[in-house]
All heavy atoms as atom14 arrays in JSON, in Angstrom:
{
  "sequence": "SLNLFDQYDAVSSAFVATKSKTVSLNYNLMFKEMPLNINFISLFF",
  "atom14_mask": [
    [1, 1, 1, 1, 1, 1, 0, 0, 0, 0, 0, 0, 0, 0],
    [1, 1, 1, 1, 1, 1, 1, 1, 0, 0, 0, 0, 0, 0],
    [1, 1, 1, 1, 1, 1, 1, 1, 0, 0, 0, 0, 0, 0],
    [1, 1, 1, 1, 1, 1, 1, 1, 0, 0, 0, 0, 0, 0],
    [1, 1, 1, 1, 1, 1, 1, 1, 1, 1, 1, 0, 0, 0],
    [1, 1, 1, 1, 1, 1, 1, 1, 0, 0, 0, 0, 0, 0],
    [1, 1, 1, 1, 1, 1, 1, 1, 1, 0, 0, 0, 0, 0],
    [1, 1, 1, 1, 1, 1, 1, 1, 1, 1, 1, 1, 0, 0],
    [1, 1, 1, 1, 1, 1, 1, 1, 0, 0, 0, 0, 0, 0],
    [1, 1, 1, 1, 1, 0, 0, 0, 0, 0, 0, 0, 0, 0],
    [1, 1, 1, 1, 1, 1, 1, 0, 0, 0, 0, 0, 0, 0],
    [1, 1, 1, 1, 1, 1, 0, 0, 0, 0, 0, 0, 0, 0],
    [1, 1, 1, 1, 1, 1, 0, 0, 0, 0, 0, 0, 0, 0],
    [1, 1, 1, 1, 1, 0, 0, 0, 0, 0, 0, 0, 0, 0],
    [1, 1, 1, 1, 1, 1, 1, 1, 1, 1, 1, 0, 0, 0],
    [1, 1, 1, 1, 1, 1, 1, 0, 0, 0, 0, 0, 0, 0],
    [1, 1, 1, 1, 1, 0, 0, 0, 0, 0, 0, 0, 0, 0],
    [1, 1, 1, 1, 1, 1, 1, 0, 0, 0, 0, 0, 0, 0],
    [1, 1, 1, 1, 1, 1, 1, 1, 1, 0, 0, 0, 0, 0],
    [1, 1, 1, 1, 1, 1, 0, 0, 0, 0, 0, 0, 0, 0],
    [1, 1, 1, 1, 1, 1, 1, 1, 1, 0, 0, 0, 0, 0],
    [1, 1, 1, 1, 1, 1, 1, 0, 0, 0, 0, 0, 0, 0],
    [1, 1, 1, 1, 1, 1, 1, 0, 0, 0, 0, 0, 0, 0],
    [1, 1, 1, 1, 1, 1, 0, 0, 0, 0, 0, 0, 0, 0],
    [1, 1, 1, 1, 1, 1, 1, 1, 0, 0, 0, 0, 0, 0],
    [1, 1, 1, 1, 1, 1, 1, 1, 0, 0, 0, 0, 0, 0],
    [1, 1, 1, 1, 1, 1, 1, 1, 1, 1, 1, 1, 0, 0],
    [1, 1, 1, 1, 1, 1, 1, 1, 0, 0, 0, 0, 0, 0],
    [1, 1, 1, 1, 1, 1, 1, 1, 0, 0, 0, 0, 0, 0],
    [1, 1, 1, 1, 1, 1, 1, 1, 0, 0, 0, 0, 0, 0],
    [1, 1, 1, 1, 1, 1, 1, 1, 1, 1, 1, 0, 0, 0],
    [1, 1, 1, 1, 1, 1, 1, 1, 1, 0, 0, 0, 0, 0],
    [1, 1, 1, 1, 1, 1, 1, 1, 1, 0, 0, 0, 0, 0],
    [1, 1, 1, 1, 1, 1, 1, 1, 0, 0, 0, 0, 0, 0],
    [1, 1, 1, 1, 1, 1, 1, 0, 0, 0, 0, 0, 0, 0],
    [1, 1, 1, 1, 1, 1, 1, 1, 0, 0, 0, 0, 0, 0],
    [1, 1, 1, 1, 1, 1, 1, 1, 0, 0, 0, 0, 0, 0],
    [1, 1, 1, 1, 1, 1, 1, 1, 0, 0, 0, 0, 0, 0],
    [1, 1, 1, 1, 1, 1, 1, 1, 0, 0, 0, 0, 0, 0],
    [1, 1, 1, 1, 1, 1, 1, 1, 1, 1, 1, 0, 0, 0],
    [1, 1, 1, 1, 1, 1, 1, 1, 0, 0, 0, 0, 0, 0],
    [1, 1, 1, 1, 1, 1, 0, 0, 0, 0, 0, 0, 0, 0],
    [1, 1, 1, 1, 1, 1, 1, 1, 0, 0, 0, 0, 0, 0],
    [1, 1, 1, 1, 1, 1, 1, 1, 1, 1, 1, 0, 0, 0],
    [1, 1, 1, 1, 1, 1, 1, 1, 1, 1, 1, 0, 0, 0]
  ],
  "atom14_positions": [
    [[-30.27, -70.44, -147.17], [-31.67, -70.17, -147.51], [-31.78, -68.82, -148.19], [-31.01, -67.88, -147.93], [-32.55, -70.21, -146.26], [-32.19, -69.19, -145.36], [0.0, 0.0, 0.0], [0.0, 0.0, 0.0], [0.0, 0.0, 0.0], [0.0, 0.0, 0.0], [0.0, 0.0, 0.0], [0.0, 0.0, 0.0], [0.0, 0.0, 0.0], [0.0, 0.0, 0.0]],
    [[-32.76, -68.72, -149.07], [-33.04, -67.49, -149.8], [-34.54, -67.27, -149.8], [-35.31, -68.18, -150.16], [-32.52, -67.59, -151.24], [-32.88, -66.44, -152.18], [-32.24, -65.13, -151.72], [-32.48, -66.76, -153.62], [0.0, 0.0, 0.0], [0.0, 0.0, 0.0], [0.0, 0.0, 0.0], [0.0, 0.0, 0.0], [0.0, 0.0, 0.0], [0.0, 0.0, 0.0]],
    [[-34.95, -66.08, -149.39], [-36.36, -65.74, -149.36], [-36.59, -64.48, -150.2], [-35.96, -63.45, -149.96], [-36.84, -65.51, -147.93], [-38.34, -65.36, -147.83], [-39.09, -66.34, -147.92], [-38.79, -64.13, -147.66], [0.0, 0.0, 0.0], [0.0, 0.0, 0.0], [0.0, 0.0, 0.0], [0.0, 0.0, 0.0], [0.0, 0.0, 0.0], [0.0, 0.0, 0.0]],
    [[-37.48, -64.59, -151.18], [-37.78, -63.47, -152.07], [-39.25, -63.09, -151.91], [-40.14, -63.95, -152.06], [-37.51, -63.85, -153.53], [-36.1, -64.35, -153.84], [-36.02, -64.84, -155.28], [-35.07, -63.26, -153.6], [0.0, 0.0, 0.0], [0.0, 0.0, 0.0], [0.0, 0.0, 0.0], [0.0, 0.0, 0.0], [0.0, 0.0, 0.0], [0.0, 0.0, 0.0]],
    [[-39.49, -61.84, -151.61], [-40.86, -61.35, -151.42], [-41.06, -60.11, -152.28], [-40.43, -59.09, -152.07], [-41.1, -61.03, -149.95], [-42.51, -60.58, -149.65], [-43.53, -61.51, -149.56], [-42.8, -59.24, -149.46], [-44.83, -61.1, -149.29], [-44.09, -58.83, -149.18], [-45.11, -59.76, -149.09], [0.0, 0.0, 0.0], [0.0, 0.0, 0.0], [0.0, 0.0, 0.0]],
    [[-41.94, -60.24, -153.27], [-42.24, -59.14, -154.19], [-43.68, -58.69, -153.97], [-44.61, -59.51, -154.03], [-42.06, -59.57, -155.65], [-40.63, -59.96, -155.96], [-39.73, -59.35, -155.38], [-40.42, -60.89, -156.76], [0.0, 0.0, 0.0], [0.0, 0.0, 0.0], [0.0, 0.0, 0.0], [0.0, 0.0, 0.0], [0.0, 0.0, 0.0], [0.0, 0.0, 0.0]],
    [[-43.86, -57.38, -153.77], [-45.19, -56.83, -153.55], [-45.41, -55.63, -154.45], [-44.54, -54.76, -154.58], [-45.37, -56.42, -152.08], [-46.76, -55.89, -151.77], [-46.96, -55.63, -150.29], [-46.05, -55.81, -149.49], [-48.16, -55.23, -149.91], [0.0, 0.0, 0.0], [0.0, 0.0, 0.0], [0.0, 0.0, 0.0], [0.0, 0.0, 0.0], [0.0, 0.0, 0.0]],
    [[-46.59, -55.59, -155.08], [-46.9, -54.48, -155.98], [-47.17, -53.22, -155.18], [-47.95, -53.21, -154.22], [-48.12, -54.83, -156.85], [-48.42, -53.76, -157.87], [-47.73, -53.73, -159.08], [-49.39, -52.79, -157.64], [-47.99, -52.76, -160.03], [-49.67, -51.82, -158.59], [-48.96, -51.8, -159.77], [-49.22, -50.84, -160.71], [0.0, 0.0, 0.0], [0.0, 0.0, 0.0]],
    [[-46.5, -52.13, -155.57], [-46.64, -50.84, -154.9], [-47.43, -49.9, -155.8], [-47.01, -49.58, -156.93], [-45.26, -50.26, -154.59], [-45.37, -48.93, -153.86], [-45.9, -48.91, -152.75], [-44.91, -47.9, -154.43], [0.0, 0.0, 0.0], [0.0, 0.0, 0.0], [0.0, 0.0, 0.0], [0.0, 0.0, 0.0], [0.0, 0.0, 0.0], [0.0, 0.0, 0.0]],
    [[-48.61, -49.44, -155.27], [-49.49, -48.6, -156.09], [-48.89, -47.24, -156.38], [-49.17, -46.64, -157.43], [-50.84, -48.44, -155.38], [0.0, 0.0, 0.0], [0.0, 0.0, 0.0], [0.0, 0.0, 0.0], [0.0, 0.0, 0.0], [0.0, 0.0, 0.0], [0.0, 0.0, 0.0], [0.0, 0.0, 0.0], [0.0, 0.0, 0.0], [0.0, 0.0, 0.0]],
    [[-48.03, -46.74, -155.49], [-47.45, -45.41, -155.68], [-46.47, -45.39, -156.84], [-46.52, -44.53, -157.73], [-46.76, -44.93, -154.39], [-46.09, -43.57, -154.6], [-47.78, -44.85, -153.25], [0.0, 0.0, 0.0], [0.0, 0.0, 0.0], [0.0, 0.0, 0.0], [0.0, 0.0, 0.0], [0.0, 0.0, 0.0], [0.0, 0.0, 0.0], [0.0, 0.0, 0.0]],
    [[-45.59, -46.38, -156.86], [-44.58, -46.44, -157.92], [-45.05, -47.23, -159.14], [-44.35, -47.28, -160.15], [-43.29, -47.05, -157.38], [-43.53, -48.38, -156.95], [0.0, 0.0, 0.0], [0.0, 0.0, 0.0], [0.0, 0.0, 0.0], [0.0, 0.0, 0.0], [0.0, 0.0, 0.0], [0.0, 0.0, 0.0], [0.0, 0.0, 0.0], [0.0, 0.0, 0.0]],
    [[-46.21, -47.89, -159.02], [-46.74, -48.73, -160.12], [-45.72, -49.79, -160.54], [-45.54, -50.07, -161.73], [-47.14, -47.87, -161.32], [-48.16, -46.96, -160.96], [0.0, 0.0, 0.0], [0.0, 0.0, 0.0], [0.0, 0.0, 0.0], [0.0, 0.0, 0.0], [0.0, 0.0, 0.0], [0.0, 0.0, 0.0], [0.0, 0.0, 0.0], [0.0, 0.0, 0.0]],
    [[-45.06, -50.36, -159.56], [-44.04, -51.38, -159.84], [-43.95, -52.31, -158.64], [-44.45, -52.01, -157.54], [-42.69, -50.72, -160.12], [0.0, 0.0, 0.0], [0.0, 0.0, 0.0], [0.0, 0.0, 0.0], [0.0, 0.0, 0.0], [0.0, 0.0, 0.0], [0.0, 0.0, 0.0], [0.0, 0.0, 0.0], [0.0, 0.0, 0.0], [0.0, 0.0, 0.0]],
    [[-43.27, -53.45, -158.85], [-43.05, -54.39, -157.76], [-41.87, -53.93, -156.9], [-40.84, -53.51, -157.42], [-42.79, -55.8, -158.3], [-44.04, -56.53, -158.66], [-44.55, -56.46, -159.95], [-44.71, -57.28, -157.72], [-45.71, -57.13, -160.29], [-45.87, -57.95, -158.04], [-46.37, -57.89, -159.34], [0.0, 0.0, 0.0], [0.0, 0.0, 0.0], [0.0, 0.0, 0.0]],
    [[-42.04, -54.03, -155.59], [-40.99, -53.72, -154.63], [-40.52, -55.04, -154.03], [-41.32, -55.82, -153.52], [-41.48, -52.76, -153.53], [-40.39, -52.51, -152.51], [-41.97, -51.46, -154.15], [0.0, 0.0, 0.0], [0.0, 0.0, 0.0], [0.0, 0.0, 0.0], [0.0, 0.0, 0.0], [0.0, 0.0, 0.0], [0.0, 0.0, 0.0], [0.0, 0.0, 0.0]],
    [[-39.22, -55.27, -154.08], [-38.68, -56.57, -153.68], [-38.02, -56.52, -152.31], [-37.36, -55.54, -151.96], [-37.66, -57.04, -154.72], [0.0, 0.0, 0.0], [0.0, 0.0, 0.0], [0.0, 0.0, 0.0], [0.0, 0.0, 0.0], [0.0, 0.0, 0.0], [0.0, 0.0, 0.0], [0.0, 0.0, 0.0], [0.0, 0.0, 0.0], [0.0, 0.0, 0.0]],
    [[-38.22, -57.58, -151.55], [-37.51, -57.8, -150.29], [-36.76, -59.11, -150.42], [-37.34, -60.13, -150.8], [-38.49, -57.86, -149.1], [-39.15, -56.61, -148.97], [-37.74, -58.16, -147.82], [0.0, 0.0, 0.0], [0.0, 0.0, 0.0], [0.0, 0.0, 0.0], [0.0, 0.0, 0.0], [0.0, 0.0, 0.0], [0.0, 0.0, 0.0], [0.0, 0.0, 0.0]],
    [[-35.47, -59.07, -150.1], [-34.63, -60.26, -150.26], [-33.93, -60.56, -148.93], [-33.35, -59.68, -148.3], [-33.59, -60.04, -151.35], [-32.68, -61.26, -151.59], [-31.56, -60.94, -152.59], [-32.13, -60.62, -153.95], [-31.05, -60.42, -154.96], [0.0, 0.0, 0.0], [0.0, 0.0, 0.0], [0.0, 0.0, 0.0], [0.0, 0.0, 0.0], [0.0, 0.0, 0.0]],
    [[-34.0, -61.83, -148.52], [-33.37, -62.25, -147.28], [-32.5, -63.47, -147.56], [-32.98, -64.46, -148.13], [-34.43, -62.59, -146.23], [-33.83, -63.09, -145.05], [0.0, 0.0, 0.0], [0.0, 0.0, 0.0], [0.0, 0.0, 0.0], [0.0, 0.0, 0.0], [0.0, 0.0, 0.0], [0.0, 0.0, 0.0], [0.0, 0.0, 0.0], [0.0, 0.0, 0.0]],
    [[-31.23, -63.4, -147.16], [-30.3, -64.5, -147.37], [-29.65, -64.91, -146.05], [-29.26, -64.06, -145.26], [-29.2, -64.09, -148.37], [-29.72, -63.81, -149.77], [-28.59, -63.41, -150.71], [-28.07, -62.01, -150.39], [-27.06, -61.55, -151.38], [0.0, 0.0, 0.0], [0.0, 0.0, 0.0], [0.0, 0.0, 0.0], [0.0, 0.0, 0.0], [0.0, 0.0, 0.0]],
    [[-29.55, -66.23, -145.83], [-28.94, -66.76, -144.61], [-28.03, -67.92, -144.96], [-28.41, -68.8, -145.74], [-30.01, -67.24, -143.61], [-30.92, -66.18, -143.33], [-29.37, -67.7, -142.31], [0.0, 0.0, 0.0], [0.0, 0.0, 0.0], [0.0, 0.0, 0.0], [0.0, 0.0, 0.0], [0.0, 0.0, 0.0], [0.0, 0.0, 0.0], [0.0, 0.0, 0.0]],
    [[-26.83, -67.92, -144.39], [-25.9, -69.03, -144.51], [-25.37, -69.36, -143.13], [-24.95, -68.46, -142.39], [-24.72, -68.7, -145.45], [-23.75, -69.88, -145.51], [-25.22, -68.36, -146.85], [0.0, 0.0, 0.0], [0.0, 0.0, 0.0], [0.0, 0.0, 0.0], [0.0, 0.0, 0.0], [0.0, 0.0, 0.0], [0.0, 0.0, 0.0], [0.0, 0.0, 0.0]],
    [[-25.42, -70.63, -142.75], [-24.92, -71.04, -141.43], [-24.07, -72.3, -141.54], [-24.28, -73.12, -142.44], [-26.07, -71.27, -140.45], [-26.88, -72.36, -140.88], [0.0, 0.0, 0.0], [0.0, 0.0, 0.0], [0.0, 0.0, 0.0], [0.0, 0.0, 0.0], [0.0, 0.0, 0.0], [0.0, 0.0, 0.0], [0.0, 0.0, 0.0], [0.0, 0.0, 0.0]],
    [[-23.14, -72.43, -140.61], [-22.24, -73.59, -140.56], [-22.15, -74.06, -139.12], [-21.94, -73.26, -138.2], [-20.86, -73.22, -141.08], [-19.75, -74.26, -140.87], [-20.02, -75.51, -141.7], [-18.38, -73.68, -141.24], [0.0, 0.0, 0.0], [0.0, 0.0, 0.0], [0.0, 0.0, 0.0], [0.0, 0.0, 0.0], [0.0, 0.0, 0.0], [0.0, 0.0, 0.0]],
    [[-22.3, -75.37, -138.93], [-22.17, -75.98, -137.61], [-21.18, -77.14, -137.72], [-21.38, -78.06, -138.5], [-23.54, -76.48, -137.13], [-23.51, -76.93, -135.68], [-22.67, -77.72, -135.29], [-24.46, -76.46, -134.9], [0.0, 0.0, 0.0], [0.0, 0.0, 0.0], [0.0, 0.0, 0.0], [0.0, 0.0, 0.0], [0.0, 0.0, 0.0], [0.0, 0.0, 0.0]],
    [[-20.11, -77.07, -136.92], [-19.05, -78.09, -136.96], [-18.86, -78.62, -135.55], [-18.55, -77.87, -134.62], [-17.76, -77.49, -137.5], [-16.58, -78.44, -137.56], [-16.76, -79.8, -137.79], [-15.28, -77.96, -137.39], [-15.68, -80.65, -137.85], [-14.19, -78.81, -137.45], [-14.39, -80.16, -137.68], [-13.31, -81.0, -137.72], [0.0, 0.0, 0.0], [0.0, 0.0, 0.0]],
    [[-19.06, -79.94, -135.38], [-18.99, -80.57, -134.06], [-17.9, -81.64, -134.05], [-17.85, -82.48, -134.96], [-20.34, -81.19, -133.71], [-20.46, -81.5, -132.23], [-19.94, -80.78, -131.39], [-21.17, -82.56, -131.92], [0.0, 0.0, 0.0], [0.0, 0.0, 0.0], [0.0, 0.0, 0.0], [0.0, 0.0, 0.0], [0.0, 0.0, 0.0], [0.0, 0.0, 0.0]],
    [[-17.04, -81.6, -133.04], [-15.97, -82.58, -132.87], [-16.21, -83.35, -131.58], [-16.31, -82.76, -130.5], [-14.6, -81.91, -132.81], [-14.12, -81.13, -134.03], [-14.57, -79.67, -133.91], [-12.59, -81.19, -134.12], [0.0, 0.0, 0.0], [0.0, 0.0, 0.0], [0.0, 0.0, 0.0], [0.0, 0.0, 0.0], [0.0, 0.0, 0.0], [0.0, 0.0, 0.0]],
    [[-16.28, -84.68, -131.67], [-16.49, -85.55, -130.51], [-15.29, -86.49, -130.39], [-15.08, -87.34, -131.26], [-17.78, -86.35, -130.68], [-19.03, -85.46, -130.74], [-20.53, -86.36, -131.22], [-20.17, -86.63, -132.97], [0.0, 0.0, 0.0], [0.0, 0.0, 0.0], [0.0, 0.0, 0.0], [0.0, 0.0, 0.0], [0.0, 0.0, 0.0], [0.0, 0.0, 0.0]],
    [[-14.53, -86.31, -129.35], [-13.3, -87.08, -129.16], [-13.63, -88.48, -128.64], [-14.47, -88.64, -127.75], [-12.36, -86.35, -128.2], [-11.78, -85.09, -128.79], [-12.51, -83.92, -128.83], [-10.5, -85.09, -129.31], [-11.99, -82.77, -129.37], [-9.95, -83.93, -129.85], [-10.7, -82.76, -129.89], [0.0, 0.0, 0.0], [0.0, 0.0, 0.0], [0.0, 0.0, 0.0]],
    [[-12.94, -89.48, -129.17], [-13.22, -90.86, -128.83], [-12.57, -91.3, -127.53], [-13.15, -92.05, -126.76], [-12.74, -91.79, -129.96], [-13.45, -91.57, -131.29], [-12.91, -92.51, -132.35], [-13.59, -92.31, -133.7], [-13.04, -93.22, -134.74], [0.0, 0.0, 0.0], [0.0, 0.0, 0.0], [0.0, 0.0, 0.0], [0.0, 0.0, 0.0], [0.0, 0.0, 0.0]],
    [[-11.35, -90.83, -127.27], [-10.59, -91.32, -126.12], [-10.74, -90.44, -124.89], [-10.13, -90.71, -123.86], [-9.11, -91.45, -126.5], [-8.89, -92.45, -127.64], [-7.42, -92.54, -128.04], [-6.61, -91.79, -127.45], [-7.1, -93.36, -128.91], [0.0, 0.0, 0.0], [0.0, 0.0, 0.0], [0.0, 0.0, 0.0], [0.0, 0.0, 0.0], [0.0, 0.0, 0.0]],
    [[-11.51, -89.38, -124.99], [-11.78, -88.52, -123.84], [-13.17, -87.93, -123.99], [-13.64, -87.72, -125.11], [-10.73, -87.41, -123.74], [-10.74, -86.43, -124.91], [-9.52, -85.11, -124.73], [-8.02, -86.02, -125.08], [0.0, 0.0, 0.0], [0.0, 0.0, 0.0], [0.0, 0.0, 0.0], [0.0, 0.0, 0.0], [0.0, 0.0, 0.0], [0.0, 0.0, 0.0]],
    [[-13.88, -87.67, -122.89], [-15.26, -87.14, -122.96], [-15.29, -85.64, -123.24], [-15.83, -84.85, -122.47], [-15.82, -87.47, -121.58], [-14.62, -87.45, -120.68], [-13.47, -87.97, -121.49], [0.0, 0.0, 0.0], [0.0, 0.0, 0.0], [0.0, 0.0, 0.0], [0.0, 0.0, 0.0], [0.0, 0.0, 0.0], [0.0, 0.0, 0.0], [0.0, 0.0, 0.0]],
    [[-14.69, -85.25, -124.38], [-14.6, -83.85, -124.76], [-15.34, -83.62, -126.07], [-15.15, -84.35, -127.04], [-13.13, -83.43, -124.92], [-12.88, -82.03, -125.49], [-13.38, -80.96, -124.54], [-11.39, -81.85, -125.79], [0.0, 0.0, 0.0], [0.0, 0.0, 0.0], [0.0, 0.0, 0.0], [0.0, 0.0, 0.0], [0.0, 0.0, 0.0], [0.0, 0.0, 0.0]],
    [[-16.19, -82.6, -126.09], [-16.88, -82.16, -127.3], [-16.57, -80.7, -127.55], [-16.55, -79.89, -126.61], [-18.4, -82.32, -127.17], [-18.86, -83.76, -127.32], [-18.05, -84.67, -127.47], [-20.16, -83.96, -127.25], [0.0, 0.0, 0.0], [0.0, 0.0, 0.0], [0.0, 0.0, 0.0], [0.0, 0.0, 0.0], [0.0, 0.0, 0.0], [0.0, 0.0, 0.0]],
    [[-16.32, -80.37, -128.81], [-16.09, -78.98, -129.2], [-17.0, -78.64, -130.36], [-17.08, -79.4, -131.33], [-14.62, -78.73, -129.59], [-13.67, -79.11, -128.45], [-14.4, -77.28, -129.98], [-12.2, -78.99, -128.81], [0.0, 0.0, 0.0], [0.0, 0.0, 0.0], [0.0, 0.0, 0.0], [0.0, 0.0, 0.0], [0.0, 0.0, 0.0], [0.0, 0.0, 0.0]],
    [[-17.68, -77.51, -130.26], [-18.63, -77.12, -131.29], [-18.32, -75.7, -131.76], [-18.03, -74.81, -130.96], [-20.07, -77.18, -130.75], [-21.08, -76.68, -131.75], [-21.53, -75.54, -131.68], [-21.44, -77.53, -132.7], [0.0, 0.0, 0.0], [0.0, 0.0, 0.0], [0.0, 0.0, 0.0], [0.0, 0.0, 0.0], [0.0, 0.0, 0.0], [0.0, 0.0, 0.0]],
    [[-18.37, -75.51, -133.09], [-18.17, -74.19, -133.69], [-19.41, -73.86, -134.54], [-19.88, -74.71, -135.29], [-16.92, -74.15, -134.58], [-15.65, -74.43, -133.85], [-15.09, -75.71, -133.86], [-14.99, -73.43, -133.16], [-13.92, -75.98, -133.2], [-13.8, -73.68, -132.49], [-13.26, -74.97, -132.51], [0.0, 0.0, 0.0], [0.0, 0.0, 0.0], [0.0, 0.0, 0.0]],
    [[-19.91, -72.64, -134.42], [-21.04, -72.22, -135.23], [-20.73, -70.85, -135.84], [-20.0, -70.04, -135.28], [-22.34, -72.12, -134.42], [-22.22, -71.09, -133.3], [-22.77, -73.47, -133.88], [-23.53, -70.76, -132.62], [0.0, 0.0, 0.0], [0.0, 0.0, 0.0], [0.0, 0.0, 0.0], [0.0, 0.0, 0.0], [0.0, 0.0, 0.0], [0.0, 0.0, 0.0]],
    [[-21.28, -70.62, -137.01], [-21.19, -69.3, -137.63], [-22.45, -69.08, -138.45], [-23.03, -70.04, -139.0], [-19.95, -69.19, -138.52], [-19.99, -70.15, -139.56], [0.0, 0.0, 0.0], [0.0, 0.0, 0.0], [0.0, 0.0, 0.0], [0.0, 0.0, 0.0], [0.0, 0.0, 0.0], [0.0, 0.0, 0.0], [0.0, 0.0, 0.0], [0.0, 0.0, 0.0]],
    [[-22.9, -67.84, -138.51], [-24.12, -67.51, -139.24], [-23.98, -66.14, -139.86], [-23.46, -65.21, -139.23], [-25.33, -67.55, -138.3], [-26.71, -67.26, -138.92], [-27.78, -68.11, -138.28], [-27.07, -65.77, -138.76], [0.0, 0.0, 0.0], [0.0, 0.0, 0.0], [0.0, 0.0, 0.0], [0.0, 0.0, 0.0], [0.0, 0.0, 0.0], [0.0, 0.0, 0.0]],
    [[-24.44, -66.03, -141.1], [-24.42, -64.75, -141.81], [-25.82, -64.49, -142.36], [-26.4, -65.35, -143.05], [-23.4, -64.78, -142.95], [-22.01, -65.14, -142.5], [-21.58, -66.47, -142.51], [-21.15, -64.16, -142.01], [-20.32, -66.81, -142.08], [-19.87, -64.5, -141.58], [-19.46, -65.81, -141.61], [0.0, 0.0, 0.0], [0.0, 0.0, 0.0], [0.0, 0.0, 0.0]],
    [[-26.34, -63.32, -142.05], [-27.72, -62.99, -142.4], [-27.75, -61.61, -143.04], [-27.12, -60.66, -142.56], [-28.59, -63.01, -141.14], [-29.98, -62.48, -141.35], [-30.95, -63.25, -141.97], [-30.33, -61.2, -140.91], [-32.24, -62.76, -142.15], [-31.61, -60.72, -141.09], [-32.57, -61.5, -141.71], [0.0, 0.0, 0.0], [0.0, 0.0, 0.0], [0.0, 0.0, 0.0]]
  ]
}
């Protein structure tokens, strides 16, 4: 996801930008021959 927020600043007479970036990964393994589940997650913000 990417979020861009631009707001006009009266002091500088220009737009001031705020940028937010998020990347996440979710990987789930469900074993068929045994009741075992393993989950891995990662997130970068």
